[in-house]
C-alpha atoms as a PDB file:
ATOM      1  CA  MET A   1      -0.237  -0.080   0.308  1.00  0.00           C
ATOM      2  CA  VAL A   2       1.850   3.723  -0.594  1.00  0.00           C
ATOM      3  CA  TYR A   3      -0.315   6.418   1.228  1.00  0.00           C
ATOM      4  CA  MET A   4       0.500  10.185   0.950  1.00  0.00           C
ATOM      5  CA  LEU A   5       0.721  12.000   4.544  1.00  0.00           C
ATOM      6  CA  GLU A   6       0.562  16.819   4.547  1.00  0.00           C
ATOM      7  CA  CYS A   7       2.630  17.191   7.816  1.00  0.00           C
ATOM      8  CA  SER A   8       1.782  20.821   9.992  1.00  0.00           C
ATOM      9  CA  ASP A   9       4.068  23.005   8.007  1.00  0.00           C
ATOM     10  CA  GLY A  10       1.786  21.756   4.937  1.00  0.00           C
ATOM     11  CA  CYS A  11       4.660  19.072   3.249  1.00  0.00           C
ATOM     12  CA  LEU A  12       3.105  16.478   1.505  1.00  0.00           C
ATOM     13  CA  TYR A  13       5.518  12.544   3.301  1.00  0.00           C
ATOM     14  CA  THR A  14       5.240   9.641   0.911  1.00  0.00           C
ATOM     15  CA  GLY A  15       5.688   6.048   2.145  1.00  0.00           C
ATOM     16  CA  ILE A  16       4.750   2.363   1.804  1.00  0.00           C
ATOM     17  CA  THR A  17       3.086  -0.500   4.653  1.00  0.00           C
ATOM     18  CA  ASN A  18       1.494  -3.677   4.780  1.00  0.00           C
ATOM     19  CA  ASP A  19      -0.295  -2.518   7.763  1.00  0.00           C
ATOM     20  CA  LEU A  20      -1.162   1.985   7.733  1.00  0.00           C
ATOM     21  CA  LYS A  21      -3.447   1.822  10.509  1.00  0.00           C
ATOM     22  CA  ARG A  22      -0.333   0.308  12.837  1.00  0.00           C
ATOM     23  CA  ARG A  23       2.384   2.794   9.959  1.00  0.00           C
ATOM     24  CA  LEU A  24      -0.137   5.512  10.457  1.00  0.00           C
ATOM     25  CA  ALA A  25      -0.090   6.248  14.635  1.00  0.00           C
ATOM     26  CA  MET A  26       3.676   4.891  14.675  1.00  0.00           C
ATOM     27  CA  HIS A  27       3.640   7.810  11.910  1.00  0.00           C
ATOM     28  CA  ARG A  28       1.742  10.120  15.195  1.00  0.00           C
ATOM     29  CA  GLN A  29       3.642   8.994  17.801  1.00  0.00           C
ATOM     30  CA  GLY A  30       6.990  10.235  15.957  1.00  0.00           C
ATOM     31  CA  LYS A  31       8.202   6.963  16.188  1.00  0.00           C
ATOM     32  CA  ALA A  32       7.814   5.707  11.709  1.00  0.00           C
ATOM     33  CA  SER A  33       9.788   8.762  10.526  1.00  0.00           C
ATOM     34  CA  LYS A  34      12.934  11.554  11.218  1.00  0.00           C
ATOM     35  CA  PHE A  35      10.834  13.759   8.066  1.00  0.00           C
ATOM     36  CA  THR A  36       7.308  13.467  10.073  1.00  0.00           C
ATOM     37  CA  ARG A  37       8.589  13.284  13.542  1.00  0.00           C
ATOM     38  CA  GLY A  38       9.353  16.495  13.225  1.00  0.00           C
ATOM     39  CA  ARG A  39       6.543  18.077  11.736  1.00  0.00           C
ATOM     40  CA  LEU A  40       3.390  16.351  14.309  1.00  0.00           C
ATOM     41  CA  PRO A  41       0.918  15.825  13.616  1.00  0.00           C
ATOM     42  CA  VAL A  42       0.095  14.196  10.475  1.00  0.00           C
ATOM     43  CA  LYS A  43      -3.452  13.835   8.479  1.00  0.00           C
ATOM     44  CA  LEU A  44      -3.865  10.882   5.865  1.00  0.00           C
ATOM     45  CA  VAL A  45      -4.807  12.489   2.417  1.00  0.00           C
ATOM     46  CA  TYR A  46      -4.406   9.420   0.039  1.00  0.00           C
ATOM     47  CA  PHE A  47      -3.282   5.809  -0.116  1.00  0.00           C
ATOM     48  CA  GLU A  48      -4.135   3.236  -2.977  1.00  0.00           C
ATOM     49  CA  ALA A  49      -3.347  -0.159  -1.975  1.00  0.00           C
ATOM     50  CA  GLY A  50      -3.432  -3.863  -3.950  1.00  0.00           C
ATOM     51  CA  TYR A  51       0.379  -4.137  -4.089  1.00  0.00           C
ATOM     52  CA  THR A  52       2.954  -6.161  -3.538  1.00  0.00           C
ATOM     53  CA  LYS A  53       6.321  -4.952  -1.971  1.00  0.00           C
ATOM     54  CA  GLY A  54       7.546  -4.456  -5.327  1.00  0.00           C
ATOM     55  CA  GLN A  55       5.011  -2.247  -7.392  1.00  0.00           C
ATOM     56  CA  ALA A  56       4.857  -0.363  -4.319  1.00  0.00           C
ATOM     57  CA  LEU A  57       8.293   1.226  -4.047  1.00  0.00           C
ATOM     58  CA  SER A  58       7.499   1.599  -7.746  1.00  0.00           C
ATOM     59  CA  ARG A  59       4.504   3.269  -7.333  1.00  0.00           C
ATOM     60  CA  GLU A  60       6.183   5.823  -4.821  1.00  0.00           C
ATOM     61  CA  LYS A  61       8.315   6.166  -6.450  1.00  0.00           C
ATOM     62  CA  VAL A  62       7.005   7.432  -9.062  1.00  0.00           C
ATOM     63  CA  ILE A  63       4.463   9.402  -6.875  1.00  0.00           C
ATOM     64  CA  LYS A  64       7.978  11.113  -5.092  1.00  0.00           C
ATOM     65  CA  GLY A  65       8.780  12.964  -8.885  1.00  0.00           C
ATOM     66  CA  MET A  66       5.358  14.762  -8.606  1.00  0.00           C
ATOM     67  CA  THR A  67       4.873  18.081  -8.674  1.00  0.00           C
ATOM     68  CA  ARG A  68       2.848  19.325  -6.012  1.00  0.00           C
ATOM     69  CA  ALA A  69       0.399  19.921  -7.537  1.00  0.00           C
ATOM     70  CA  ARG A  70      -0.010  16.957  -8.883  1.00  0.00           C
ATOM     71  CA  LYS A  71       0.277  14.843  -5.681  1.00  0.00           C
ATOM     72  CA  LEU A  72      -2.508  18.096  -3.890  1.00  0.00           C
ATOM     73  CA  GLN A  73      -5.258  15.992  -7.299  1.00  0.00           C
ATOM     74  CA  LEU A  74      -4.156  13.113  -6.613  1.00  0.00           C
ATOM     75  CA  THR A  75      -5.176  13.941  -3.128  1.00  0.00           C
ATOM     76  CA  GLN A  76      -9.006  15.899  -3.886  1.00  0.00           C
ATOM     77  CA  SER A  77     -10.926  12.689  -4.877  1.00  0.00           C
ATOM     78  CA  PHE A  78      -9.002  10.792  -1.477  1.00  0.00           C
ATOM     79  CA  GLU A  79     -11.943  10.019   0.697  1.00  0.00           C
ATOM     80  CA  PRO A  80     -10.661   7.849   3.403  1.00  0.00           C
END
């Protein structure tokens, strides 16, 4: 699964996980990544499921290469 978070400073963070609920809890506790630790709180703004680990890594790379405007377009249709 590929997911995107919006940090308190407006930055977008993209990552992968096989357990989104657990990973979100870790982010919110400041234990998941150095990047988000200093930008709490975070909010889930997008995710895509149904990938193998390799596919998720590839998709994460594509999303990270997108412009901020394109990333925000992805989040427009997201409903958790």
